[in-house]
Protein backbone atom coordinates (compact mmCIF):
# COMPACT_ATOMS: atom_id res chain seq x y z
CA MET A 1 -14.43 24.72 -26.81
CA LEU A 2 -15.15 22.93 -30.11
CA LYS A 3 -17.82 20.27 -30.62
CA LEU A 4 -17.03 16.72 -31.67
CA ILE A 5 -19.79 14.75 -32.30
CA GLU A 6 -19.64 11.08 -31.33
CA THR A 7 -20.18 8.43 -33.59
CA ASN A 8 -19.22 5.51 -32.99
CA VAL A 9 -17.69 3.90 -29.70
CA TYR A 10 -15.95 -0.05 -30.43
CA LYS A 11 -14.93 -1.78 -26.75
CA GLU A 12 -11.99 -4.91 -27.14
CA GLU A 13 -10.02 -5.90 -24.64
CA GLU A 14 -6.65 -3.64 -24.53
CA VAL A 15 -8.40 -0.87 -26.31
CA VAL A 16 -11.50 2.36 -25.74
CA VAL A 17 -11.88 3.61 -29.97
CA ARG A 18 -13.50 6.39 -29.59
CA CYS A 19 -14.60 7.39 -32.90
CA TYR A 20 -15.65 11.54 -32.98
CA ALA A 21 -17.63 13.15 -36.71
CA ALA A 22 -15.50 17.51 -36.73
CA ASP A 23 -15.68 19.62 -38.75
CA PHE A 24 -13.93 23.23 -38.17
CA MET A 25 -11.31 25.22 -39.78
CA VAL A 26 -7.28 25.96 -37.70
CA GLN A 27 -6.00 28.42 -39.82
CA ASN A 28 -6.15 26.34 -43.85
CA VAL A 29 -6.59 22.50 -42.74
CA HIS A 30 -9.99 21.71 -42.27
CA VAL A 31 -10.35 18.82 -39.96
CA GLU A 32 -12.25 16.30 -40.21
CA GLY A 33 -12.20 13.96 -37.62
CA ILE A 34 -10.54 12.55 -34.21
CA ASN A 35 -10.59 9.56 -33.20
CA THR A 36 -8.85 7.99 -29.37
CA PHE A 37 -7.25 4.79 -28.76
CA THR A 38 -8.12 4.17 -24.88
CA TYR A 39 -5.85 1.87 -23.42
CA LYS A 40 -5.66 -0.27 -20.51
CA ASP A 41 -2.87 0.95 -18.36
CA GLY A 42 -4.35 4.63 -19.50
CA ASN A 43 -2.30 6.09 -22.11
CA ILE A 44 -4.07 7.23 -24.60
CA GLU A 45 -2.96 8.06 -28.78
CA VAL A 46 -4.67 10.66 -30.68
CA HIS A 47 -5.55 10.34 -34.48
CA VAL A 48 -7.15 13.62 -36.92
CA ILE A 49 -8.09 13.62 -40.53
CA HIS A 50 -7.50 16.22 -42.03
CA ASP A 51 -7.23 17.69 -46.15
CA THR A 52 -3.41 18.47 -45.86
CA ASP A 53 -0.21 17.00 -45.82
CA TYR A 54 1.71 16.98 -42.70
CA VAL A 55 1.03 19.62 -39.92
CA TYR A 56 3.69 18.31 -37.11
CA SER A 57 6.07 20.87 -39.25
CA THR A 58 4.58 23.94 -40.14
CA ALA A 59 3.40 27.51 -38.97
CA LEU A 60 0.13 26.14 -37.09
CA HIS A 61 2.28 23.38 -34.96
CA ASP A 62 1.49 24.88 -32.04
CA GLU A 63 -1.96 26.31 -32.94
CA PHE A 64 -2.83 23.05 -34.13
CA GLU A 65 -2.13 21.37 -30.57
CA THR A 66 -4.21 23.89 -28.99
CA ALA A 67 -6.65 23.82 -31.33
CA ILE A 68 -7.33 19.80 -31.41
CA SER A 69 -6.25 20.04 -27.61
CA GLU A 70 -9.56 22.37 -27.23
CA ALA A 71 -12.14 19.85 -29.19
CA LEU A 72 -11.05 17.29 -27.17
CA GLY A 73 -11.03 18.28 -23.09
CA PHE A 74 -7.41 17.52 -22.26
CA ALA A 75 -4.20 18.14 -23.24
CA VAL A 76 -2.48 16.76 -26.78
CA ILE A 77 1.14 17.07 -28.16
CA PHE A 78 1.67 15.47 -31.58
CA THR A 79 4.63 13.15 -31.76
CA GLU A 80 7.18 11.91 -33.32
CA ALA A 81 7.83 12.82 -36.92
CA GLY A 82 8.16 10.04 -38.10
CA MET A 83 4.39 8.32 -36.86
CA GLN A 84 2.16 11.85 -39.13
CA ASP A 85 1.62 10.60 -42.68
CA VAL A 86 -0.42 13.13 -44.98
CA GLY A 87 -4.46 13.37 -43.94
CA LEU A 88 -3.21 11.79 -40.55
CA ALA A 89 -1.54 13.81 -38.10
CA SER A 90 -0.40 11.11 -34.92
CA MET A 91 -1.17 12.65 -31.44
CA GLU A 92 -0.71 11.96 -27.91
CA ILE A 93 -2.23 13.02 -24.05
CA LYS A 94 0.43 15.34 -23.47
């Protein structure tokens, strides 16, 4: 399992945000941080900060999902393509 270091926790009425420092590679993509958003209804959003363009539609799609799932300790998948951005992968609980 890859190690994450929790750096901040923000608790609000509807959501708990956990920020993790990360420093690992998935092929040629450097993962720099992961933020989780746990909502009152149990839904979890995951934002992965990385150093490249989009990773959603590339050859490392499945490998990226697996690496982030292993780092967090629970399974995640990419959200829809329109939610992706340069340097930020949008994911959700599988």
